[in-house]
Structures are given as structure tokens and as C-alpha cells.
Protein backbone atom coordinates (compact mmCIF):
# COMPACT_ATOMS: atom_id res chain seq x y z
CA MET A 1 32.12 141.48 135.89
CA SER A 2 28.78 139.85 135.08
CA ASP A 3 28.65 136.53 133.26
CA GLU A 4 25.62 137.72 131.30
CA LEU A 5 26.25 137.87 127.58
CA SER A 6 26.41 141.55 126.73
CA PRO A 7 26.43 143.07 123.23
CA GLU A 8 29.80 144.63 124.05
CA VAL A 9 31.42 141.26 124.82
CA PHE A 10 29.82 139.67 121.77
CA ASP A 11 30.95 142.45 119.45
CA ALA A 12 34.50 142.53 120.86
CA VAL A 13 35.05 138.79 120.52
CA CYS A 14 33.54 138.63 117.03
CA ARG A 15 35.60 141.61 115.88
CA GLN A 16 38.75 139.96 117.20
CA ALA A 17 37.84 136.69 115.49
CA ASP A 18 37.29 138.52 112.20
CA GLN A 19 40.75 140.11 112.43
CA ALA A 20 42.22 136.71 113.25
CA ALA A 21 40.55 135.17 110.20
CA ARG A 22 42.17 137.73 107.91
CA ALA A 23 45.55 137.01 109.49
CA GLN A 24 45.01 133.28 109.04
CA GLU A 25 44.43 133.66 105.32
CA ARG A 26 47.98 134.95 105.02
CA LEU A 27 49.49 132.48 107.47
CA ALA A 28 47.92 129.57 105.59
CA GLN A 29 50.06 130.51 102.58
CA ALA A 30 53.31 130.50 104.57
CA ASN A 31 55.81 127.75 103.88
CA THR A 32 57.54 125.68 106.52
CA GLU A 33 60.58 127.94 106.64
CA ALA A 34 58.47 131.05 107.23
CA LYS A 35 56.45 129.39 109.99
CA ASN A 36 59.59 128.16 111.70
CA GLU A 37 61.03 131.67 111.54
CA LEU A 38 57.93 132.91 113.35
CA LEU A 39 58.27 130.21 115.99
CA LEU A 40 61.93 130.95 116.67
CA ALA A 41 61.15 134.66 116.93
CA ILE A 42 58.35 133.84 119.39
CA ALA A 43 60.73 131.75 121.48
CA ASP A 44 63.33 134.52 121.55
CA ALA A 45 60.66 137.03 122.56
CA LEU A 46 59.62 134.85 125.48
CA ASP A 47 63.20 134.88 126.73
CA GLU A 48 63.51 138.63 126.20
CA HIS A 49 60.28 139.39 128.05
CA ALA A 50 60.71 136.78 130.79
CA ALA A 51 61.02 139.36 133.57
CA ASP A 52 57.81 141.12 132.50
CA ILE A 53 55.96 137.81 132.33
CA GLU A 54 57.24 136.81 135.76
CA ALA A 55 56.11 140.15 137.21
CA ALA A 56 52.60 139.71 135.80
CA ASN A 57 52.52 136.16 137.09
CA ALA A 58 53.55 137.33 140.56
CA LEU A 59 50.38 139.44 140.68
CA ASP A 60 48.27 136.45 139.66
CA MET A 61 49.99 134.32 142.29
CA LEU A 62 49.45 136.90 145.03
CA GLU A 63 45.76 137.33 144.28
CA SER A 64 45.21 133.57 144.04
CA LYS A 65 46.93 132.98 147.37
CA GLU A 66 44.76 135.63 148.98
CA ASN A 67 41.70 133.90 147.52
CA GLY A 68 42.73 130.58 149.06
CA MET A 69 43.95 128.66 146.01
CA ASP A 70 45.45 125.33 147.10
CA ALA A 71 49.14 124.50 146.76
CA GLY A 72 48.76 122.20 143.76
CA LYS A 73 46.90 124.77 141.70
CA LEU A 74 49.34 127.48 142.77
CA ASP A 75 52.20 125.37 141.44
CA ARG A 76 50.43 125.03 138.09
CA LEU A 77 49.84 128.77 138.05
CA LEU A 78 53.48 129.64 138.76
CA PHE A 79 55.28 130.93 135.67
CA ASP A 80 58.60 132.37 136.76
CA VAL A 81 61.69 133.01 134.64
CA PRO A 82 62.88 129.35 134.63
CA ARG A 83 59.45 128.20 133.51
CA VAL A 84 59.32 130.89 130.84
CA ALA A 85 62.70 129.63 129.60
CA ALA A 86 61.33 126.09 129.49
CA ALA A 87 58.31 127.31 127.52
CA ALA A 88 60.61 129.04 125.03
CA GLN A 89 62.51 125.80 124.56
CA GLY A 90 59.19 124.06 123.98
CA VAL A 91 58.41 126.49 121.18
CA ARG A 92 61.81 125.86 119.63
CA HIS A 93 61.10 122.14 119.75
CA VAL A 94 57.85 122.68 117.85
CA ALA A 95 59.87 124.41 115.14
CA THR A 96 61.85 121.18 114.64
CA LEU A 97 58.75 119.05 114.11
CA PRO A 98 57.57 118.05 110.63
CA ASP A 99 55.14 120.44 109.03
CA PRO A 100 51.70 118.77 109.06
CA VAL A 101 50.33 121.00 106.29
CA GLY A 102 50.33 119.22 102.96
CA GLU A 103 50.88 115.77 104.45
CA ILE A 104 48.95 113.10 102.55
CA VAL A 105 47.10 110.96 105.07
CA ARG A 106 45.75 108.42 102.63
CA GLY A 107 44.90 108.02 98.97
CA TYR A 108 43.45 105.60 96.50
CA ASN A 109 42.69 105.23 92.80
CA LEU A 110 39.17 105.11 91.42
CA PRO A 111 38.27 102.60 88.67
CA ASN A 112 38.33 105.42 86.11
CA GLY A 113 41.96 106.17 86.97
CA LEU A 114 41.28 109.27 89.04
CA ARG A 115 43.34 109.40 92.23
CA LEU A 116 41.85 110.81 95.42
CA THR A 117 43.99 111.87 98.35
CA GLN A 118 43.24 113.11 101.86
CA THR A 119 45.65 115.92 102.62
CA ARG A 120 46.13 117.88 105.84
CA VAL A 121 45.29 121.58 105.58
CA PRO A 122 44.97 124.38 108.17
CA MET A 123 41.64 124.56 109.99
CA GLY A 124 41.43 128.35 110.32
CA VAL A 125 40.78 130.25 113.56
CA ILE A 126 40.95 127.95 116.58
CA ALA A 127 39.44 128.93 119.91
CA ILE A 128 41.25 127.50 122.92
CA ILE A 129 39.55 127.84 126.30
CA TYR A 130 41.76 126.71 129.15
CA GLU A 131 42.16 126.98 132.88
CA SER A 132 44.77 128.86 134.86
CA ARG A 133 47.90 127.29 133.40
CA PRO A 134 50.03 130.02 131.79
CA ASN A 135 52.23 127.56 129.89
CA VAL A 136 49.23 126.56 127.75
CA THR A 137 49.28 130.06 126.27
CA SER A 138 52.61 129.67 124.50
CA ASP A 139 52.22 125.93 123.87
CA ALA A 140 48.88 126.36 122.12
CA ALA A 141 50.08 129.35 120.11
CA ALA A 142 53.15 127.47 118.90
CA LEU A 143 51.16 124.45 117.75
CA ALA A 144 48.66 126.70 115.99
CA VAL A 145 51.36 128.58 114.09
CA LYS A 146 53.14 125.38 113.08
CA SER A 147 49.92 124.03 111.57
CA GLY A 148 49.06 127.28 109.78
CA ASN A 149 46.26 128.19 112.15
CA VAL A 150 45.46 131.31 114.16
CA CYS A 151 44.45 131.04 117.80
CA MET A 152 41.93 132.82 119.99
CA LEU A 153 43.12 132.14 123.53
CA ARG A 154 40.77 132.47 126.47
CA SER A 155 42.59 131.97 129.77
CA GLY A 156 41.09 131.35 133.18
CA LYS A 157 40.74 134.56 135.15
CA GLU A 158 43.33 133.52 137.76
CA ALA A 159 46.06 133.49 135.09
CA TYR A 160 44.84 136.34 132.93
CA ARG A 161 47.65 138.79 133.75
CA SER A 162 50.21 136.10 132.99
CA ALA A 163 48.52 135.06 129.76
CA ARG A 164 48.20 138.66 128.60
CA ALA A 165 51.93 139.27 129.22
CA ILE A 166 52.81 136.08 127.36
CA VAL A 167 50.66 137.03 124.37
CA ALA A 168 52.23 140.50 124.33
CA ALA A 169 55.64 138.85 124.07
CA LEU A 170 54.45 136.46 121.36
CA LYS A 171 53.03 139.35 119.33
CA ALA A 172 56.32 141.24 119.69
CA GLY A 173 58.18 138.21 118.40
CA VAL A 174 55.89 137.85 115.40
CA GLU A 175 56.23 141.54 114.54
CA SER A 176 60.04 141.37 114.84
CA VAL A 177 60.17 139.21 111.70
CA GLY A 178 57.48 141.11 109.81
CA GLY A 179 54.57 138.82 110.69
CA ASP A 180 50.98 139.75 111.44
CA SER A 181 50.55 139.89 115.21
CA ASP A 182 46.87 138.97 114.85
CA ILE A 183 47.90 135.34 114.42
CA VAL A 184 48.02 135.15 118.24
CA ASN A 185 45.15 136.62 120.24
CA ILE A 186 43.86 136.69 123.80
CA VAL A 187 40.24 137.34 124.72
CA GLU A 188 40.16 140.11 127.29
CA ASP A 189 36.88 139.06 128.89
CA THR A 190 37.31 136.12 131.30
CA THR A 191 33.67 135.53 132.21
CA HIS A 192 31.52 132.66 130.97
CA ALA A 193 30.06 135.11 128.47
CA SER A 194 33.17 135.20 126.29
CA ALA A 195 33.47 131.42 126.42
CA GLN A 196 29.87 131.19 125.27
CA VAL A 197 30.59 133.46 122.32
CA LEU A 198 33.60 131.39 121.28
CA MET A 199 31.70 128.13 121.55
CA THR A 200 28.83 129.38 119.39
CA ALA A 201 30.68 131.58 116.88
CA ASP A 202 29.88 129.45 113.85
CA GLY A 203 31.61 130.73 110.76
CA LEU A 204 34.14 132.73 112.79
CA VAL A 205 35.89 130.11 114.95
């Protein structure tokens, strides 16, 4: 696949970002209990789909070995059932963390008696471009959901099959509790073109 920015790649990424933005508007209104329910459902879905994720990862591992990836990078790429289980536990841990949304960072009173406060709010649609580490997929998604944000995940090409399987599981988990699966997204294009779109999509990401 060419790294040249094509209209098709641009349109696909922007369309996905637009769908994500609509999903984020609803997620931003969710309370802590609702977000934690989503996170626990995501964690359960990772466990339920662990075998599928491992199978996708095995294909990534095989191709990377054939392409000469070194042992250290192969270890980071490995995402077998035990590592999927560890990722699920990581998501459950995020559910136990304090909700950052609504936290007052600082505040002060003006001479006229008016009080100003700086309060944490969701950012919106967050693009996350990362290398071939499948665990980042679920880690980033969990942190985004906890903070009321929607993520656009763009994995390195060596881990794309793994990341796609993980996102499929995350979406299934979200849907199982009536959530909008567009709160977690993966960019299908893994060339520099899609990264360029994400990094310059002002107003969308």
C-alpha cells in the first residue's frame, strides 16, 4: 500500500472521526457508574475473545518473524491468552480509579466575589498513534473511556491483526451493555498517510 495521501484514505479517516465525535457527545454525559460498567464489560469481552485475539496475534508474530524482527520486538508483539488476561485485569483496575471528569484542579475568588474554578472535562476524540504493541490498544481505550473520551487508534502495521481483533472484542463488550461501539475505533490504513490525516485533522481529532 502506498504511503501517498489518497482521497480514499482521507475520506475514510475523517468519516470515522466524525462518527467518533457523535459517540463522544453521548459518552461525555455518562456518569462514573456508567463508564465503569462499560469498562467492566470491555474487560469481560477481552477474556471471552482471548482465543480469537491470540489467533490473530499468531499471524502477526509469524509474519514478523519471517520479516526478521528481533527477539525483543517479538516479545513486545506477543499477545497470547495470558497477556490478554493481564490486559483485561488492567482494564478492571482502570475502573477502580477515581473519575477525573469534574475534578476541580484549582480555584480562586475575584475581588468582586466571583469564584473561578478550573475543572477537568473530556477532551473529545483522541487520536493515538502507536507502534506494534498490542497491549496499548486496550490500555489506551480504557483510559479514554474512563475520562469520557473516544479514541481513534492507529496501530503499527506489524500488530494490525492483533489490534483489530482487540478492538472487535472491545466493541462487543461496549454493545453488550447498550453502549455505542463507536467510542472505540481502529484506523484500517496503516501507512504514513493515515497518520498524517490524524495529525492534521483539526476540528475532528
